[in-house]
Amino acid sequence: MEKAQLKALKAKLKTEIRDTKEKIEEYSSLCKPISPENSIGRVSRMDAINNKSIVEAALRVAKEKMQQLETMQNKFKDPDFGMCNKCNKAIPFVRLMIQPQSKFCVICAQ
């Protein structure tokens, strides 16, 4: 991988980490329990509980992504950075720019 590509990828990783941290903070604030004494009505209460479970699922996904991004950031200086964990071929630069946490090339990810 060329130096310019590595620089662009490093910047993309930083941006993704920042954005993911913001999402985690937002989702965490939305996952607060719904108090039973809140008089929002039974149907509205059910909607609020359903929405809370959806936000909790999004929070889990964001935390997993954050862990993967941090792992990739720690491996950035490794000589095998950008190589597929399965076939040991280079992961295309475009794929890494779209999903910087990718551990596999497109073929092996399927």
C-alpha atoms as a PDB file:
ATOM      1  CA  MET A   1       0.000   0.000   0.000  1.00  0.00           C
ATOM      2  CA  GLU A   2       1.310   3.433  -0.910  1.00  0.00           C
ATOM      3  CA  LYS A   3       2.104   6.123   1.658  1.00  0.00           C
ATOM      4  CA  ALA A   4      -0.710   8.385   0.406  1.00  0.00           C
ATOM      5  CA  GLN A   5      -3.193   5.521   0.748  1.00  0.00           C
ATOM      6  CA  LEU A   6      -1.962   4.737   4.260  1.00  0.00           C
ATOM      7  CA  LYS A   7      -2.320   8.393   5.221  1.00  0.00           C
ATOM      8  CA  ALA A   8      -5.865   8.529   3.835  1.00  0.00           C
ATOM      9  CA  LEU A   9      -6.748   5.301   5.599  1.00  0.00           C
ATOM     10  CA  LYS A  10      -5.332   6.544   8.896  1.00  0.00           C
ATOM     11  CA  ALA A  11      -7.457   9.697   8.605  1.00  0.00           C
ATOM     12  CA  LYS A  12     -10.514   7.574   7.771  1.00  0.00           C
ATOM     13  CA  LEU A  13      -9.911   5.396  10.838  1.00  0.00           C
ATOM     14  CA  LYS A  14      -9.733   8.480  13.072  1.00  0.00           C
ATOM     15  CA  THR A  15     -12.950   9.855  11.578  1.00  0.00           C
ATOM     16  CA  GLU A  16     -14.774   6.539  11.958  1.00  0.00           C
ATOM     17  CA  ILE A  17     -13.618   6.195  15.570  1.00  0.00           C
ATOM     18  CA  ARG A  18     -14.787   9.722  16.378  1.00  0.00           C
ATOM     19  CA  ASP A  19     -18.157   9.198  14.689  1.00  0.00           C
ATOM     20  CA  THR A  20     -18.664   5.822  16.361  1.00  0.00           C
ATOM     21  CA  LYS A  21     -17.869   7.283  19.789  1.00  0.00           C
ATOM     22  CA  GLU A  22     -20.505   9.952  19.175  1.00  0.00           C
ATOM     23  CA  LYS A  23     -23.054   7.297  18.190  1.00  0.00           C
ATOM     24  CA  ILE A  24     -22.263   5.271  21.308  1.00  0.00           C
ATOM     25  CA  GLU A  25     -22.799   8.335  23.500  1.00  0.00           C
ATOM     26  CA  GLU A  26     -26.074   9.162  21.735  1.00  0.00           C
ATOM     27  CA  TYR A  27     -27.392   5.601  21.918  1.00  0.00           C
ATOM     28  CA  SER A  28     -26.365   5.308  25.579  1.00  0.00           C
ATOM     29  CA  SER A  29     -28.381   8.389  26.441  1.00  0.00           C
ATOM     30  CA  LEU A  30     -31.406   7.016  24.552  1.00  0.00           C
ATOM     31  CA  CYS A  31     -31.250   3.644  26.343  1.00  0.00           C
ATOM     32  CA  LYS A  32     -32.306   4.978  29.714  1.00  0.00           C
ATOM     33  CA  PRO A  33     -35.067   2.989  31.423  1.00  0.00           C
ATOM     34  CA  ILE A  34     -38.674   4.092  30.979  1.00  0.00           C
ATOM     35  CA  SER A  35     -40.116   4.751  34.412  1.00  0.00           C
ATOM     36  CA  PRO A  36     -43.476   3.116  35.171  1.00  0.00           C
ATOM     37  CA  GLU A  37     -44.926   6.269  36.719  1.00  0.00           C
ATOM     38  CA  ASN A  38     -44.492   8.154  33.450  1.00  0.00           C
ATOM     39  CA  SER A  39     -48.059   8.771  32.215  1.00  0.00           C
ATOM     40  CA  ILE A  40     -47.525   8.402  28.483  1.00  0.00           C
ATOM     41  CA  GLY A  41     -50.299   5.885  27.915  1.00  0.00           C
ATOM     42  CA  ARG A  42     -50.141   2.137  27.413  1.00  0.00           C
ATOM     43  CA  VAL A  43     -49.652   2.138  23.631  1.00  0.00           C
ATOM     44  CA  SER A  44     -47.088   4.938  23.763  1.00  0.00           C
ATOM     45  CA  ARG A  45     -45.304   3.088  26.566  1.00  0.00           C
ATOM     46  CA  MET A  46     -45.128  -0.061  24.407  1.00  0.00           C
ATOM     47  CA  ASP A  47     -43.732   2.007  21.532  1.00  0.00           C
ATOM     48  CA  ALA A  48     -41.139   3.542  23.860  1.00  0.00           C
ATOM     49  CA  ILE A  49     -40.075   0.098  25.099  1.00  0.00           C
ATOM     50  CA  ASN A  50     -39.852  -1.190  21.513  1.00  0.00           C
ATOM     51  CA  ASN A  51     -37.793   1.836  20.442  1.00  0.00           C
ATOM     52  CA  LYS A  52     -35.517   1.322  23.440  1.00  0.00           C
ATOM     53  CA  SER A  53     -34.798  -2.262  22.385  1.00  0.00           C
ATOM     54  CA  ILE A  54     -33.965  -1.106  18.848  1.00  0.00           C
ATOM     55  CA  VAL A  55     -31.592   1.537  20.199  1.00  0.00           C
ATOM     56  CA  GLU A  56     -29.978  -1.060  22.489  1.00  0.00           C
ATOM     57  CA  ALA A  57     -29.322  -3.278  19.460  1.00  0.00           C
ATOM     58  CA  ALA A  58     -27.794  -0.321  17.593  1.00  0.00           C
ATOM     59  CA  LEU A  59     -25.642   0.387  20.653  1.00  0.00           C
ATOM     60  CA  ARG A  60     -24.323  -3.201  20.671  1.00  0.00           C
ATOM     61  CA  VAL A  61     -23.449  -2.939  16.959  1.00  0.00           C
ATOM     62  CA  ALA A  62     -21.712   0.420  17.497  1.00  0.00           C
ATOM     63  CA  LYS A  63     -19.662  -0.991  20.396  1.00  0.00           C
ATOM     64  CA  GLU A  64     -18.600  -3.983  18.293  1.00  0.00           C
ATOM     65  CA  LYS A  65     -17.603  -1.660  15.451  1.00  0.00           C
ATOM     66  CA  MET A  66     -15.638   0.511  17.879  1.00  0.00           C
ATOM     67  CA  GLN A  67     -13.737  -2.505  19.144  1.00  0.00           C
ATOM     68  CA  GLN A  68     -12.909  -3.556  15.577  1.00  0.00           C
ATOM     69  CA  LEU A  69     -11.804  -0.018  14.641  1.00  0.00           C
ATOM     70  CA  GLU A  70      -9.527   0.214  17.672  1.00  0.00           C
ATOM     71  CA  THR A  71      -8.041  -3.181  16.822  1.00  0.00           C
ATOM     72  CA  MET A  72      -7.328  -2.013  13.274  1.00  0.00           C
ATOM     73  CA  GLN A  73      -5.819   1.229  14.577  1.00  0.00           C
ATOM     74  CA  ASN A  74      -3.481  -0.764  16.844  1.00  0.00           C
ATOM     75  CA  LYS A  75      -2.446  -2.981  13.914  1.00  0.00           C
ATOM     76  CA  PHE A  76      -1.866  -0.009  11.602  1.00  0.00           C
ATOM     77  CA  LYS A  77       1.936  -0.185  11.852  1.00  0.00           C
ATOM     78  CA  ASP A  78       2.109  -3.969  11.501  1.00  0.00           C
ATOM     79  CA  PRO A  79       3.706  -5.173   8.250  1.00  0.00           C
ATOM     80  CA  ASP A  80       0.655  -7.350   7.506  1.00  0.00           C
ATOM     81  CA  PHE A  81      -1.813  -4.470   7.900  1.00  0.00           C
ATOM     82  CA  GLY A  82      -4.348  -4.481   5.058  1.00  0.00           C
ATOM     83  CA  MET A  83      -3.912  -8.178   4.398  1.00  0.00           C
ATOM     84  CA  CYS A  84      -6.845 -10.598   4.463  1.00  0.00           C
ATOM     85  CA  ASN A  85      -6.837 -12.796   7.586  1.00  0.00           C
ATOM     86  CA  LYS A  86      -8.020 -15.785   5.534  1.00  0.00           C
ATOM     87  CA  CYS A  87      -6.224 -15.783   2.172  1.00  0.00           C
ATOM     88  CA  ASN A  88      -3.330 -13.413   3.042  1.00  0.00           C
ATOM     89  CA  LYS A  89      -3.915 -11.298  -0.060  1.00  0.00           C
ATOM     90  CA  ALA A  90      -4.128  -7.513   0.070  1.00  0.00           C
ATOM     91  CA  ILE A  91      -7.537  -6.103   0.931  1.00  0.00           C
ATOM     92  CA  PRO A  92      -8.406  -3.544  -1.775  1.00  0.00           C
ATOM     93  CA  PHE A  93      -7.842   0.040  -0.663  1.00  0.00           C
ATOM     94  CA  VAL A  94     -11.386   1.034  -1.649  1.00  0.00           C
ATOM     95  CA  ARG A  95     -12.828  -1.644   0.651  1.00  0.00           C
ATOM     96  CA  LEU A  96     -10.702  -0.392   3.531  1.00  0.00           C
ATOM     97  CA  MET A  97     -11.884   3.162   2.890  1.00  0.00           C
ATOM     98  CA  ILE A  98     -15.517   2.016   3.005  1.00  0.00           C
ATOM     99  CA  GLN A  99     -15.063  -0.351   5.954  1.00  0.00           C
ATOM    100  CA  PRO A 100     -11.785   0.423   7.705  1.00  0.00           C
ATOM    101  CA  GLN A 101     -12.423  -2.376  10.211  1.00  0.00           C
ATOM    102  CA  SER A 102     -12.365  -5.038   7.457  1.00  0.00           C
ATOM    103  CA  LYS A 103     -10.284  -8.082   8.294  1.00  0.00           C
ATOM    104  CA  PHE A 104     -11.137  -9.952   5.105  1.00  0.00           C
ATOM    105  CA  CYS A 105     -11.113  -9.267   1.381  1.00  0.00           C
ATOM    106  CA  VAL A 106     -14.459  -9.229  -0.410  1.00  0.00           C
ATOM    107  CA  ILE A 107     -14.206 -12.843  -1.567  1.00  0.00           C
ATOM    108  CA  CYS A 108     -13.300 -14.243   1.858  1.00  0.00           C
ATOM    109  CA  ALA A 109     -15.889 -12.078   3.624  1.00  0.00           C
ATOM    110  CA  GLN A 110     -18.663 -13.809   1.677  1.00  0.00           C
END
